[in-house]
Amino acid sequence: ILLIASLPTSNPTCQLEKEVGPCRASLTRYFYNYRTRQCEKFKYGGCRGNKNNFKTIDECQVICGGGQ
Protein backbone atom coordinates (compact mmCIF):
# COMPACT_ATOMS: atom_id res chain seq x y z
CA ILE A 1 0.00 0.00 0.00
CA LEU A 2 2.85 2.41 0.76
CA LEU A 3 4.34 1.72 -2.69
CA ILE A 4 1.07 2.63 -4.40
CA ALA A 5 0.79 5.83 -2.37
CA SER A 6 4.25 6.90 -3.51
CA LEU A 7 3.50 6.57 -7.23
CA PRO A 8 3.13 9.93 -9.02
CA THR A 9 -0.25 9.02 -10.51
CA SER A 10 -2.42 5.98 -11.04
CA ASN A 11 -4.60 7.68 -13.65
CA PRO A 12 -4.19 5.68 -16.91
CA THR A 13 -4.47 8.90 -18.96
CA CYS A 14 -1.28 10.17 -17.37
CA GLN A 15 0.63 7.06 -18.40
CA LEU A 16 -0.06 7.56 -22.12
CA GLU A 17 2.75 8.74 -24.39
CA LYS A 18 2.58 12.24 -25.87
CA GLU A 19 0.56 12.13 -29.12
CA VAL A 20 1.07 15.07 -31.50
CA GLY A 21 -1.47 13.76 -34.05
CA PRO A 22 -1.35 13.97 -37.86
CA CYS A 23 -2.71 17.51 -38.31
CA ARG A 24 -0.54 20.64 -38.41
CA ALA A 25 -2.24 23.26 -36.23
CA SER A 26 0.76 23.61 -33.85
CA LEU A 27 -1.29 24.32 -30.71
CA THR A 28 0.53 24.70 -27.40
CA ARG A 29 -0.62 21.96 -25.05
CA TYR A 30 0.70 20.10 -22.01
CA PHE A 31 1.13 16.40 -21.33
CA TYR A 32 2.21 14.42 -18.30
CA ASN A 33 5.58 12.77 -18.90
CA TYR A 34 5.40 9.64 -16.76
CA ARG A 35 9.17 9.12 -16.96
CA THR A 36 10.13 12.57 -15.65
CA ARG A 37 6.99 12.91 -13.49
CA GLN A 38 6.43 16.40 -14.87
CA CYS A 39 3.83 18.21 -16.94
CA GLU A 40 5.61 19.35 -20.09
CA LYS A 41 4.75 21.62 -23.01
CA PHE A 42 4.37 20.24 -26.55
CA LYS A 43 2.93 21.27 -29.92
CA TYR A 44 -0.35 19.47 -30.70
CA GLY A 45 -1.40 19.14 -34.34
CA GLY A 46 -5.08 19.74 -33.56
CA CYS A 47 -6.65 16.36 -34.34
CA ARG A 48 -6.66 12.81 -33.03
CA GLY A 49 -4.05 12.47 -30.29
CA ASN A 50 -5.03 10.98 -26.93
CA LYS A 51 -6.33 12.08 -23.52
CA ASN A 52 -2.88 12.99 -22.19
CA ASN A 53 -3.35 16.43 -23.74
CA PHE A 54 -4.24 19.42 -21.58
CA LYS A 55 -4.92 23.05 -22.54
CA THR A 56 -3.14 24.41 -19.46
CA ILE A 57 -0.32 23.26 -17.23
CA ASP A 58 -2.65 23.73 -14.25
CA GLU A 59 -5.14 21.23 -15.70
CA CYS A 60 -2.31 18.74 -16.27
CA GLN A 61 -1.06 19.17 -12.71
CA VAL A 62 -4.52 18.78 -11.16
CA ILE A 63 -5.24 15.57 -13.08
CA CYS A 64 -1.78 13.99 -13.13
CA GLY A 65 0.39 15.87 -10.63
CA GLY A 66 3.88 17.11 -11.38
CA GLY A 67 5.17 20.64 -11.62
CA GLN A 68 7.43 22.08 -14.27
C-alpha atoms as a PDB file:
ATOM      1  CA  ILE A   1       0.000   0.000   0.000  1.00  0.00           C
ATOM      2  CA  LEU A   2       2.850   2.407   0.763  1.00  0.00           C
ATOM      3  CA  LEU A   3       4.342   1.722  -2.685  1.00  0.00           C
ATOM      4  CA  ILE A   4       1.068   2.635  -4.401  1.00  0.00           C
ATOM      5  CA  ALA A   5       0.785   5.833  -2.367  1.00  0.00           C
ATOM      6  CA  SER A   6       4.248   6.900  -3.515  1.00  0.00           C
ATOM      7  CA  LEU A   7       3.504   6.573  -7.228  1.00  0.00           C
ATOM      8  CA  PRO A   8       3.127   9.930  -9.019  1.00  0.00           C
ATOM      9  CA  THR A   9      -0.254   9.025 -10.508  1.00  0.00           C
ATOM     10  CA  SER A  10      -2.420   5.978 -11.035  1.00  0.00           C
ATOM     11  CA  ASN A  11      -4.601   7.682 -13.653  1.00  0.00           C
ATOM     12  CA  PRO A  12      -4.192   5.682 -16.913  1.00  0.00           C
ATOM     13  CA  THR A  13      -4.473   8.897 -18.964  1.00  0.00           C
ATOM     14  CA  CYS A  14      -1.280  10.171 -17.366  1.00  0.00           C
ATOM     15  CA  GLN A  15       0.631   7.059 -18.403  1.00  0.00           C
ATOM     16  CA  LEU A  16      -0.060   7.562 -22.120  1.00  0.00           C
ATOM     17  CA  GLU A  17       2.746   8.736 -24.387  1.00  0.00           C
ATOM     18  CA  LYS A  18       2.580  12.241 -25.865  1.00  0.00           C
ATOM     19  CA  GLU A  19       0.559  12.134 -29.116  1.00  0.00           C
ATOM     20  CA  VAL A  20       1.070  15.072 -31.502  1.00  0.00           C
ATOM     21  CA  GLY A  21      -1.471  13.764 -34.046  1.00  0.00           C
ATOM     22  CA  PRO A  22      -1.350  13.971 -37.861  1.00  0.00           C
ATOM     23  CA  CYS A  23      -2.707  17.508 -38.313  1.00  0.00           C
ATOM     24  CA  ARG A  24      -0.542  20.642 -38.413  1.00  0.00           C
ATOM     25  CA  ALA A  25      -2.243  23.263 -36.229  1.00  0.00           C
ATOM     26  CA  SER A  26       0.758  23.611 -33.849  1.00  0.00           C
ATOM     27  CA  LEU A  27      -1.294  24.324 -30.707  1.00  0.00           C
ATOM     28  CA  THR A  28       0.532  24.698 -27.405  1.00  0.00           C
ATOM     29  CA  ARG A  29      -0.615  21.955 -25.046  1.00  0.00           C
ATOM     30  CA  TYR A  30       0.704  20.102 -22.012  1.00  0.00           C
ATOM     31  CA  PHE A  31       1.132  16.400 -21.330  1.00  0.00           C
ATOM     32  CA  TYR A  32       2.211  14.420 -18.296  1.00  0.00           C
ATOM     33  CA  ASN A  33       5.583  12.766 -18.895  1.00  0.00           C
ATOM     34  CA  TYR A  34       5.405   9.635 -16.759  1.00  0.00           C
ATOM     35  CA  ARG A  35       9.174   9.118 -16.959  1.00  0.00           C
ATOM     36  CA  THR A  36      10.129  12.573 -15.647  1.00  0.00           C
ATOM     37  CA  ARG A  37       6.991  12.908 -13.486  1.00  0.00           C
ATOM     38  CA  GLN A  38       6.435  16.405 -14.867  1.00  0.00           C
ATOM     39  CA  CYS A  39       3.827  18.208 -16.942  1.00  0.00           C
ATOM     40  CA  GLU A  40       5.607  19.352 -20.093  1.00  0.00           C
ATOM     41  CA  LYS A  41       4.750  21.625 -23.011  1.00  0.00           C
ATOM     42  CA  PHE A  42       4.367  20.242 -26.554  1.00  0.00           C
ATOM     43  CA  LYS A  43       2.926  21.268 -29.915  1.00  0.00           C
ATOM     44  CA  TYR A  44      -0.349  19.472 -30.704  1.00  0.00           C
ATOM     45  CA  GLY A  45      -1.398  19.141 -34.336  1.00  0.00           C
ATOM     46  CA  GLY A  46      -5.082  19.740 -33.563  1.00  0.00           C
ATOM     47  CA  CYS A  47      -6.646  16.357 -34.337  1.00  0.00           C
ATOM     48  CA  ARG A  48      -6.659  12.815 -33.026  1.00  0.00           C
ATOM     49  CA  GLY A  49      -4.048  12.469 -30.290  1.00  0.00           C
ATOM     50  CA  ASN A  50      -5.035  10.981 -26.926  1.00  0.00           C
ATOM     51  CA  LYS A  51      -6.334  12.075 -23.517  1.00  0.00           C
ATOM     52  CA  ASN A  52      -2.875  12.989 -22.188  1.00  0.00           C
ATOM     53  CA  ASN A  53      -3.352  16.426 -23.744  1.00  0.00           C
ATOM     54  CA  PHE A  54      -4.238  19.421 -21.583  1.00  0.00           C
ATOM     55  CA  LYS A  55      -4.918  23.050 -22.544  1.00  0.00           C
ATOM     56  CA  THR A  56      -3.144  24.405 -19.460  1.00  0.00           C
ATOM     57  CA  ILE A  57      -0.316  23.255 -17.233  1.00  0.00           C
ATOM     58  CA  ASP A  58      -2.649  23.730 -14.250  1.00  0.00           C
ATOM     59  CA  GLU A  59      -5.138  21.234 -15.697  1.00  0.00           C
ATOM     60  CA  CYS A  60      -2.313  18.744 -16.269  1.00  0.00           C
ATOM     61  CA  GLN A  61      -1.057  19.167 -12.709  1.00  0.00           C
ATOM     62  CA  VAL A  62      -4.520  18.784 -11.164  1.00  0.00           C
ATOM     63  CA  ILE A  63      -5.237  15.570 -13.084  1.00  0.00           C
ATOM     64  CA  CYS A  64      -1.777  13.991 -13.131  1.00  0.00           C
ATOM     65  CA  GLY A  65       0.393  15.867 -10.632  1.00  0.00           C
ATOM     66  CA  GLY A  66       3.883  17.106 -11.378  1.00  0.00           C
ATOM     67  CA  GLY A  67       5.173  20.644 -11.616  1.00  0.00           C
ATOM     68  CA  GLN A  68       7.429  22.078 -14.269  1.00  0.00           C
END
